[in-house]
Amino acid sequence: MMYLLLLTIVLIFYIFISRFRWAGKQAKLIKKLKEEEAKLIHMEKMASIGTLAAGIAHEINNPLSFLSVNLGVLIEGSKNGVKTEETEQIISECLDGVERIKRIVKDLLTFSQRGQGERVEVDLKQLLDSTLRIVWNEIKYKVDLVKDYKAESPIYVDPTQIGQIIVNLVINAYQVIKDKGTIAISTYEDESRVYIKVCDTGPGMSKDVLKNIFEPFFTTKGGTGLGLSVSNDIVKSYGGEIRVKSKVGEGSEFTIV
């Protein structure tokens, strides 16, 4: 009887230790998966910046060229000891150019930061406008951008993550529009949720494509095929969802809830 009792105690102890070790392994595995997911999200963000790089460089070069020319005029004027209303106007325009460059760089640095998942109070309108400034020079020659912001409540998010989703959706819409089209960004809210809608006048998607758009590495236009998958995972982490409506020939509508 004592032997059986001892054996039972040993078995219980063994099971407890085994489960404890397994729980420890599970915790390490979950931590590792979260780290890999964060790396994947950041890689996709860097890929987005790579896509936008030419447009961003152009957006910065415009005011830089303007500054260069105007400063040359100022130097010539200073040599001749001339100070006129035109000089003051040139200085004012130079300062405007500097502020424009600072804003672009600030928006880009904010977007490129590795998201930590830390949620802060964010003004949605400011977040959207900051994000759209990053993509604007890439899309402006082919797309009319329409904005309609009705949501006024602040949201509690990691702004770099939400910015990444908007960039993904806008660039996807831009890439599928062939010649000239429209991308509409709107927001609205109800008692408990905020909605961000991105609509385009592109070619739309078939039912077969719609079934797979959130699958990792699925793509119909090249690239990593991770943009929508990453975006969907981020939204789910907030307890939200991305709703999609699309028909061939009628464009697409993505709603972030």
C-alpha atoms as a PDB file:
ATOM      1  CA  MET A   1       0.000   0.000   0.000  1.00  0.00           C
ATOM      2  CA  MET A   2       2.845   2.379   0.935  1.00  0.00           C
ATOM      3  CA  TYR A   3       4.600   1.497  -2.331  1.00  0.00           C
ATOM      4  CA  LEU A   4       1.509   2.400  -4.400  1.00  0.00           C
ATOM      5  CA  LEU A   5       1.118   5.677  -2.522  1.00  0.00           C
ATOM      6  CA  LEU A   6       4.761   6.535  -3.102  1.00  0.00           C
ATOM      7  CA  LEU A   7       4.463   5.634  -6.785  1.00  0.00           C
ATOM      8  CA  THR A   8       1.377   7.831  -7.127  1.00  0.00           C
ATOM      9  CA  ILE A   9       3.163  10.776  -5.506  1.00  0.00           C
ATOM     10  CA  VAL A  10       6.142  10.319  -7.848  1.00  0.00           C
ATOM     11  CA  LEU A  11       3.842  10.190 -10.877  1.00  0.00           C
ATOM     12  CA  ILE A  12       1.969  13.325  -9.806  1.00  0.00           C
ATOM     13  CA  PHE A  13       5.267  15.121  -9.205  1.00  0.00           C
ATOM     14  CA  TYR A  14       6.567  14.016 -12.628  1.00  0.00           C
ATOM     15  CA  ILE A  15       3.392  15.229 -14.363  1.00  0.00           C
ATOM     16  CA  PHE A  16       3.582  18.576 -12.530  1.00  0.00           C
ATOM     17  CA  ILE A  17       7.238  19.081 -13.485  1.00  0.00           C
ATOM     18  CA  SER A  18       6.540  18.075 -17.095  1.00  0.00           C
ATOM     19  CA  ARG A  19       3.664  20.513 -17.336  1.00  0.00           C
ATOM     20  CA  PHE A  20       5.743  23.252 -15.722  1.00  0.00           C
ATOM     21  CA  ARG A  21       8.539  22.685 -18.238  1.00  0.00           C
ATOM     22  CA  TRP A  22       6.031  22.633 -21.114  1.00  0.00           C
ATOM     23  CA  ALA A  23       4.479  25.894 -19.877  1.00  0.00           C
ATOM     24  CA  GLY A  24       7.959  27.427 -19.792  1.00  0.00           C
ATOM     25  CA  LYS A  25       8.646  26.239 -23.345  1.00  0.00           C
ATOM     26  CA  GLN A  26       5.272  27.585 -24.475  1.00  0.00           C
ATOM     27  CA  ALA A  27       6.024  31.011 -22.966  1.00  0.00           C
ATOM     28  CA  LYS A  28       9.401  31.130 -24.711  1.00  0.00           C
ATOM     29  CA  LEU A  29       7.821  30.032 -28.000  1.00  0.00           C
ATOM     30  CA  ILE A  30       5.091  32.680 -27.754  1.00  0.00           C
ATOM     31  CA  LYS A  31       7.694  35.360 -26.990  1.00  0.00           C
ATOM     32  CA  LYS A  32       9.787  34.234 -29.962  1.00  0.00           C
ATOM     33  CA  LEU A  33       6.757  34.281 -32.283  1.00  0.00           C
ATOM     34  CA  LYS A  34       5.864  37.803 -31.159  1.00  0.00           C
ATOM     35  CA  GLU A  35       9.429  38.964 -31.801  1.00  0.00           C
ATOM     36  CA  GLU A  36       9.392  37.419 -35.285  1.00  0.00           C
ATOM     37  CA  GLU A  37       6.003  38.990 -36.004  1.00  0.00           C
ATOM     38  CA  ALA A  38       7.340  42.410 -34.974  1.00  0.00           C
ATOM     39  CA  LYS A  39      10.325  41.938 -37.304  1.00  0.00           C
ATOM     40  CA  LEU A  40       8.011  40.956 -40.162  1.00  0.00           C
ATOM     41  CA  ILE A  41       5.812  44.006 -39.617  1.00  0.00           C
ATOM     42  CA  HIS A  42       8.889  46.271 -39.601  1.00  0.00           C
ATOM     43  CA  MET A  43      10.271  44.632 -42.756  1.00  0.00           C
ATOM     44  CA  GLU A  44       6.982  45.254 -44.545  1.00  0.00           C
ATOM     45  CA  LYS A  45       7.082  48.873 -43.409  1.00  0.00           C
ATOM     46  CA  MET A  46      10.618  49.269 -44.792  1.00  0.00           C
ATOM     47  CA  ALA A  47       9.435  47.713 -48.069  1.00  0.00           C
ATOM     48  CA  SER A  48       6.711  50.380 -48.209  1.00  0.00           C
ATOM     49  CA  ILE A  49       9.316  53.106 -47.721  1.00  0.00           C
ATOM     50  CA  GLY A  50      11.359  51.574 -50.536  1.00  0.00           C
ATOM     51  CA  THR A  51       8.322  51.838 -52.815  1.00  0.00           C
ATOM     52  CA  LEU A  52       7.843  55.478 -51.837  1.00  0.00           C
ATOM     53  CA  ALA A  53      11.524  56.470 -51.834  1.00  0.00           C
ATOM     54  CA  ALA A  54      11.586  58.189 -55.254  1.00  0.00           C
ATOM     55  CA  GLY A  55       8.499  60.236 -54.486  1.00  0.00           C
ATOM     56  CA  ILE A  56       9.799  61.252 -51.053  1.00  0.00           C
ATOM     57  CA  ALA A  57      13.161  62.279 -52.535  1.00  0.00           C
ATOM     58  CA  HIS A  58      11.364  64.368 -55.159  1.00  0.00           C
ATOM     59  CA  GLU A  59       9.173  65.980 -52.509  1.00  0.00           C
ATOM     60  CA  ILE A  60      12.284  67.033 -50.561  1.00  0.00           C
ATOM     61  CA  ASN A  61      14.316  68.046 -53.634  1.00  0.00           C
ATOM     62  CA  ASN A  62      11.695  70.562 -54.794  1.00  0.00           C
ATOM     63  CA  PRO A  63      12.024  72.910 -51.797  1.00  0.00           C
ATOM     64  CA  LEU A  64      15.796  72.261 -51.660  1.00  0.00           C
ATOM     65  CA  SER A  65      16.194  73.465 -55.273  1.00  0.00           C
ATOM     66  CA  PHE A  66      14.013  76.449 -54.485  1.00  0.00           C
ATOM     67  CA  LEU A  67      16.143  77.240 -51.431  1.00  0.00           C
ATOM     68  CA  SER A  68      19.342  76.965 -53.439  1.00  0.00           C
ATOM     69  CA  VAL A  69      18.180  79.417 -56.107  1.00  0.00           C
ATOM     70  CA  ASN A  70      16.740  81.915 -53.633  1.00  0.00           C
ATOM     71  CA  LEU A  71      19.803  81.856 -51.385  1.00  0.00           C
ATOM     72  CA  GLY A  72      21.922  82.566 -54.469  1.00  0.00           C
ATOM     73  CA  VAL A  73      19.784  85.633 -55.178  1.00  0.00           C
ATOM     74  CA  LEU A  74      20.173  86.757 -51.560  1.00  0.00           C
ATOM     75  CA  ILE A  75      23.945  86.390 -51.715  1.00  0.00           C
ATOM     76  CA  GLU A  76      24.132  88.555 -54.829  1.00  0.00           C
ATOM     77  CA  GLY A  77      21.881  91.134 -53.222  1.00  0.00           C
ATOM     78  CA  SER A  78      24.007  91.236 -50.068  1.00  0.00           C
ATOM     79  CA  LYS A  79      27.149  91.829 -52.144  1.00  0.00           C
ATOM     80  CA  ASN A  80      25.530  94.933 -53.597  1.00  0.00           C
ATOM     81  CA  GLY A  81      24.206  96.018 -50.216  1.00  0.00           C
ATOM     82  CA  VAL A  82      20.636  95.839 -51.464  1.00  0.00           C
ATOM     83  CA  LYS A  83      17.733  95.037 -49.128  1.00  0.00           C
ATOM     84  CA  THR A  84      14.268  95.342 -50.578  1.00  0.00           C
ATOM     85  CA  GLU A  85      10.747  94.042 -50.034  1.00  0.00           C
ATOM     86  CA  GLU A  86      11.660  91.331 -52.542  1.00  0.00           C
ATOM     87  CA  THR A  87      14.505  90.242 -50.257  1.00  0.00           C
ATOM     88  CA  GLU A  88      12.143  89.892 -47.316  1.00  0.00           C
ATOM     89  CA  GLN A  89       9.745  87.904 -49.496  1.00  0.00           C
ATOM     90  CA  ILE A  90      12.556  85.553 -50.559  1.00  0.00           C
ATOM     91  CA  ILE A  91      13.595  84.997 -46.926  1.00  0.00           C
ATOM     92  CA  SER A  92       9.988  84.219 -45.981  1.00  0.00           C
ATOM     93  CA  GLU A  93       9.670  81.724 -48.840  1.00  0.00           C
ATOM     94  CA  CYS A  94      12.965  80.080 -47.847  1.00  0.00           C
ATOM     95  CA  LEU A  95      11.698  79.607 -44.300  1.00  0.00           C
ATOM     96  CA  ASP A  96       8.504  78.062 -45.683  1.00  0.00           C
ATOM     97  CA  GLY A  97      10.640  75.648 -47.715  1.00  0.00           C
ATOM     98  CA  VAL A  98      12.648  74.687 -44.639  1.00  0.00           C
ATOM     99  CA  GLU A  99       9.440  74.014 -42.676  1.00  0.00           C
ATOM    100  CA  ARG A 100       8.140  71.867 -45.527  1.00  0.00           C
ATOM    101  CA  ILE A 101      11.296  69.739 -45.508  1.00  0.00           C
ATOM    102  CA  LYS A 102      11.189  69.432 -41.701  1.00  0.00           C
ATOM    103  CA  ARG A 103       7.565  68.256 -41.863  1.00  0.00           C
ATOM    104  CA  ILE A 104       8.311  65.637 -44.523  1.00  0.00           C
ATOM    105  CA  VAL A 105      11.313  64.307 -42.592  1.00  0.00           C
ATOM    106  CA  LYS A 106       9.339  64.253 -39.324  1.00  0.00           C
ATOM    107  CA  ASP A 107       6.462  62.340 -40.943  1.00  0.00           C
ATOM    108  CA  LEU A 108       8.883  59.856 -42.482  1.00  0.00           C
ATOM    109  CA  LEU A 109      10.792  59.299 -39.236  1.00  0.00           C
ATOM    110  CA  THR A 110       7.537  58.755 -37.352  1.00  0.00           C
ATOM    111  CA  PHE A 111       6.345  56.242 -39.930  1.00  0.00           C
ATOM    112  CA  SER A 112       9.649  54.350 -40.086  1.00  0.00           C
ATOM    113  CA  GLN A 113       9.904  53.753 -36.339  1.00  0.00           C
ATOM    114  CA  ARG A 114       9.566  50.176 -35.197  1.00  0.00           C
ATOM    115  CA  GLY A 115       6.101  49.888 -33.662  1.00  0.00           C
ATOM    116  CA  GLN A 116       6.154  48.767 -30.038  1.00  0.00           C
ATOM    117  CA  GLY A 117       2.416  48.220 -29.747  1.00  0.00           C
ATOM    118  CA  GLU A 118       2.302  51.012 -27.154  1.00  0.00           C
ATOM    119  CA  ARG A 119      -1.075  52.705 -27.354  1.00  0.00           C
ATOM    120  CA  VAL A 120      -1.356  56.453 -26.960  1.00  0.00           C
ATOM    121  CA  GLU A 121      -4.151  58.946 -27.539  1.00  0.00           C
ATOM    122  CA  VAL A 122      -4.096  59.954 -31.197  1.00  0.00           C
ATOM    123  CA  ASP A 123      -5.992  62.541 -33.230  1.00  0.00           C
ATOM    124  CA  LEU A 124      -7.145  60.448 -36.194  1.00  0.00           C
ATOM    125  CA  LYS A 125      -7.333  63.378 -38.615  1.00  0.00           C
ATOM    126  CA  GLN A 126      -3.740  64.412 -37.855  1.00  0.00           C
ATOM    127  CA  LEU A 127      -2.548  60.828 -38.139  1.00  0.00           C
ATOM    128  CA  LEU A 128      -4.200  60.360 -41.544  1.00  0.00           C
ATOM    129  CA  ASP A 129      -2.944  63.681 -42.912  1.00  0.00           C
ATOM    130  CA  SER A 130       0.597  62.946 -41.712  1.00  0.00           C
ATOM    131  CA  THR A 131       0.502  59.514 -43.356  1.00  0.00           C
ATOM    132  CA  LEU A 132      -0.978  60.810 -46.611  1.00  0.00           C
ATOM    133  CA  ARG A 133       1.781  63.417 -46.894  1.00  0.00           C
ATOM    134  CA  ILE A 134       4.272  60.548 -47.093  1.00  0.00           C
ATOM    135  CA  VAL A 135       2.513  58.942 -50.073  1.00  0.00           C
ATOM    136  CA  TRP A 136       1.224  62.057 -51.803  1.00  0.00           C
ATOM    137  CA  ASN A 137       4.134  62.694 -54.176  1.00  0.00           C
ATOM    138  CA  GLU A 138       4.013  59.058 -55.274  1.00  0.00           C
ATOM    139  CA  ILE A 139       0.325  59.105 -56.160  1.00  0.00           C
ATOM    140  CA  LYS A 140      -0.554  62.694 -57.091  1.00  0.00           C
ATOM    141  CA  TYR A 141       0.056  62.419 -60.845  1.00  0.00           C
ATOM    142  CA  LYS A 142      -2.424  59.574 -61.250  1.00  0.00           C
ATOM    143  CA  VAL A 143      -4.862  59.922 -58.378  1.00  0.00           C
ATOM    144  CA  ASP A 144      -7.332  62.490 -57.107  1.00  0.00           C
ATOM    145  CA  LEU A 145      -7.387  62.219 -53.319  1.00  0.00           C
ATOM    146  CA  VAL A 146     -10.711  62.944 -51.621  1.00  0.00           C
ATOM    147  CA  LYS A 147     -10.880  63.311 -47.829  1.00  0.00           C
ATOM    148  CA  ASP A 148     -13.986  63.336 -45.656  1.00  0.00           C
ATOM    149  CA  TYR A 149     -13.243  63.141 -41.932  1.00  0.00           C
ATOM    150  CA  LYS A 150     -16.322  62.897 -39.704  1.00  0.00           C
ATOM    151  CA  ALA A 151     -14.889  60.937 -36.737  1.00  0.00           C
ATOM    152  CA  GLU A 152     -13.848  63.327 -33.970  1.00  0.00           C
ATOM    153  CA  SER A 153     -13.126  61.048 -31.018  1.00  0.00           C
ATOM    154  CA  PRO A 154      -9.449  60.329 -30.236  1.00  0.00           C
ATOM    155  CA  ILE A 155      -8.301  56.752 -30.693  1.00  0.00           C
ATOM    156  CA  TYR A 156      -5.857  54.786 -28.532  1.00  0.00           C
ATOM    157  CA  VAL A 157      -3.377  53.097 -30.876  1.00  0.00           C
ATOM    158  CA  ASP A 158       0.251  52.774 -31.847  1.00  0.00           C
ATOM    159  CA  PRO A 159       0.252  55.508 -34.539  1.00  0.00           C
ATOM    160  CA  THR A 160       3.063  53.885 -36.535  1.00  0.00           C
ATOM    161  CA  GLN A 161       0.989  50.705 -36.914  1.00  0.00           C
ATOM    162  CA  ILE A 162      -2.149  52.489 -38.087  1.00  0.00           C
ATOM    163  CA  GLY A 163      -0.061  54.656 -40.409  1.00  0.00           C
ATOM    164  CA  GLN A 164       1.411  51.513 -41.938  1.00  0.00           C
ATOM    165  CA  ILE A 165      -2.062  50.127 -42.662  1.00  0.00           C
ATOM    166  CA  ILE A 166      -3.144  53.339 -44.397  1.00  0.00           C
ATOM    167  CA  VAL A 167       0.030  53.410 -46.502  1.00  0.00           C
ATOM    168  CA  ASN A 168      -0.551  49.789 -47.541  1.00  0.00           C
ATOM    169  CA  LEU A 169      -4.155  50.408 -48.563  1.00  0.00           C
ATOM    170  CA  VAL A 170      -3.457  53.657 -50.420  1.00  0.00           C
ATOM    171  CA  ILE A 171      -0.438  52.303 -52.298  1.00  0.00           C
ATOM    172  CA  ASN A 172      -2.357  49.133 -53.217  1.00  0.00           C
ATOM    173  CA  ALA A 173      -5.203  51.282 -54.583  1.00  0.00           C
ATOM    174  CA  TYR A 174      -2.773  53.503 -56.494  1.00  0.00           C
ATOM    175  CA  GLN A 175      -1.025  50.522 -58.069  1.00  0.00           C
ATOM    176  CA  VAL A 176      -4.218  48.935 -59.417  1.00  0.00           C
ATOM    177  CA  ILE A 177      -5.551  52.192 -60.941  1.00  0.00           C
ATOM    178  CA  LYS A 178      -4.327  52.066 -64.528  1.00  0.00           C
ATOM    179  CA  ASP A 179      -4.560  55.576 -65.951  1.00  0.00           C
ATOM    180  CA  LYS A 180      -6.396  58.075 -63.775  1.00  0.00           C
ATOM    181  CA  GLY A 181      -8.641  57.502 -60.788  1.00  0.00           C
ATOM    182  CA  THR A 182      -9.790  58.525 -57.338  1.00  0.00           C
ATOM    183  CA  ILE A 183      -8.936  57.349 -53.837  1.00  0.00           C
ATOM    184  CA  ALA A 184     -11.354  58.468 -51.132  1.00  0.00           C
ATOM    185  CA  ILE A 185     -10.401  58.426 -47.433  1.00  0.00           C
ATOM    186  CA  SER A 186     -13.239  58.895 -44.974  1.00  0.00           C
ATOM    187  CA  THR A 187     -13.837  58.406 -41.262  1.00  0.00           C
ATOM    188  CA  TYR A 188     -16.951  58.124 -39.133  1.00  0.00           C
ATOM    189  CA  GLU A 189     -17.896  56.705 -35.750  1.00  0.00           C
ATOM    190  CA  ASP A 190     -20.687  55.240 -33.669  1.00  0.00           C
ATOM    191  CA  GLU A 191     -21.008  54.885 -29.887  1.00  0.00           C
ATOM    192  CA  SER A 192     -18.198  52.369 -29.508  1.00  0.00           C
ATOM    193  CA  ARG A 193     -16.140  52.200 -32.690  1.00  0.00           C
ATOM    194  CA  VAL A 194     -14.277  54.338 -35.185  1.00  0.00           C
ATOM    195  CA  TYR A 195     -14.244  53.502 -38.902  1.00  0.00           C
ATOM    196  CA  ILE A 196     -11.652  54.374 -41.544  1.00  0.00           C
ATOM    197  CA  LYS A 197     -12.757  53.752 -45.117  1.00  0.00           C
ATOM    198  CA  VAL A 198     -10.449  53.634 -48.154  1.00  0.00           C
ATOM    199  CA  CYS A 199     -12.246  53.444 -51.514  1.00  0.00           C
ATOM    200  CA  ASP A 200     -10.763  53.391 -55.006  1.00  0.00           C
ATOM    201  CA  THR A 201     -11.995  53.491 -58.603  1.00  0.00           C
ATOM    202  CA  GLY A 202      -9.676  50.673 -59.688  1.00  0.00           C
ATOM    203  CA  PRO A 203     -10.653  47.510 -61.572  1.00  0.00           C
ATOM    204  CA  GLY A 204     -12.055  45.733 -58.509  1.00  0.00           C
ATOM    205  CA  MET A 205     -11.430  42.128 -57.474  1.00  0.00           C
ATOM    206  CA  SER A 206     -12.989  38.797 -58.333  1.00  0.00           C
ATOM    207  CA  LYS A 207     -14.497  36.539 -55.653  1.00  0.00           C
ATOM    208  CA  ASP A 208     -11.511  34.186 -55.920  1.00  0.00           C
ATOM    209  CA  VAL A 209      -9.070  37.019 -55.218  1.00  0.00           C
ATOM    210  CA  LEU A 210     -11.199  38.333 -52.344  1.00  0.00           C
ATOM    211  CA  LYS A 211     -11.005  34.932 -50.637  1.00  0.00           C
ATOM    212  CA  ASN A 212      -7.215  35.101 -50.467  1.00  0.00           C
ATOM    213  CA  ILE A 213      -6.221  38.753 -50.076  1.00  0.00           C
ATOM    214  CA  PHE A 214      -5.342  38.421 -46.379  1.00  0.00           C
ATOM    215  CA  GLU A 215      -3.281  35.269 -46.877  1.00  0.00           C
ATOM    216  CA  PRO A 216       0.477  35.792 -46.346  1.00  0.00           C
ATOM    217  CA  PHE A 217       2.477  36.101 -49.594  1.00  0.00           C
ATOM    218  CA  PHE A 218      -0.660  36.220 -51.766  1.00  0.00           C
ATOM    219  CA  THR A 219      -0.249  38.897 -54.433  1.00  0.00           C
ATOM    220  CA  THR A 220      -1.616  39.757 -57.863  1.00  0.00           C
ATOM    221  CA  LYS A 221       0.844  42.578 -58.595  1.00  0.00           C
ATOM    222  CA  GLY A 222       4.282  41.537 -57.337  1.00  0.00           C
ATOM    223  CA  GLY A 223       5.853  42.710 -54.102  1.00  0.00           C
ATOM    224  CA  THR A 224       6.061  40.750 -50.870  1.00  0.00           C
ATOM    225  CA  GLY A 225       2.380  39.846 -50.647  1.00  0.00           C
ATOM    226  CA  LEU A 226       2.529  40.649 -46.929  1.00  0.00           C
ATOM    227  CA  GLY A 227       0.962  44.123 -46.800  1.00  0.00           C
ATOM    228  CA  LEU A 228      -2.677  43.140 -46.315  1.00  0.00           C
ATOM    229  CA  SER A 229      -1.827  40.141 -44.158  1.00  0.00           C
ATOM    230  CA  VAL A 230       0.239  42.310 -41.797  1.00  0.00           C
ATOM    231  CA  SER A 231      -2.451  45.015 -41.801  1.00  0.00           C
ATOM    232  CA  ASN A 232      -5.132  42.468 -40.936  1.00  0.00           C
ATOM    233  CA  ASP A 233      -3.062  41.079 -38.050  1.00  0.00           C
ATOM    234  CA  ILE A 234      -2.494  44.573 -36.642  1.00  0.00           C
ATOM    235  CA  VAL A 235      -6.199  45.429 -36.747  1.00  0.00           C
ATOM    236  CA  LYS A 236      -7.115  42.100 -35.121  1.00  0.00           C
ATOM    237  CA  SER A 237      -4.670  42.848 -32.290  1.00  0.00           C
ATOM    238  CA  TYR A 238      -6.894  45.838 -31.453  1.00  0.00           C
ATOM    239  CA  GLY A 239      -9.996  43.655 -31.450  1.00  0.00           C
ATOM    240  CA  GLY A 240     -11.057  45.126 -34.785  1.00  0.00           C
ATOM    241  CA  GLU A 241     -11.483  43.899 -38.329  1.00  0.00           C
ATOM    242  CA  ILE A 242     -10.983  44.928 -41.946  1.00  0.00           C
ATOM    243  CA  ARG A 243     -14.109  44.633 -44.090  1.00  0.00           C
ATOM    244  CA  VAL A 244     -13.799  44.458 -47.856  1.00  0.00           C
ATOM    245  CA  LYS A 245     -16.293  45.072 -50.659  1.00  0.00           C
ATOM    246  CA  SER A 246     -15.267  44.746 -54.284  1.00  0.00           C
ATOM    247  CA  LYS A 247     -16.636  43.810 -57.686  1.00  0.00           C
ATOM    248  CA  VAL A 248     -14.814  43.504 -60.967  1.00  0.00           C
ATOM    249  CA  GLY A 249     -15.121  46.812 -62.804  1.00  0.00           C
ATOM    250  CA  GLU A 250     -16.506  48.687 -59.788  1.00  0.00           C
ATOM    251  CA  GLY A 251     -13.478  49.394 -57.600  1.00  0.00           C
ATOM    252  CA  SER A 252     -12.807  48.315 -54.015  1.00  0.00           C
ATOM    253  CA  GLU A 253     -13.739  49.485 -50.530  1.00  0.00           C
ATOM    254  CA  PHE A 254     -11.746  48.655 -47.392  1.00  0.00           C
ATOM    255  CA  THR A 255     -13.185  49.582 -44.007  1.00  0.00           C
ATOM    256  CA  ILE A 256     -10.993  49.443 -40.910  1.00  0.00           C
ATOM    257  CA  VAL A 257     -13.091  48.968 -37.783  1.00  0.00           C
END
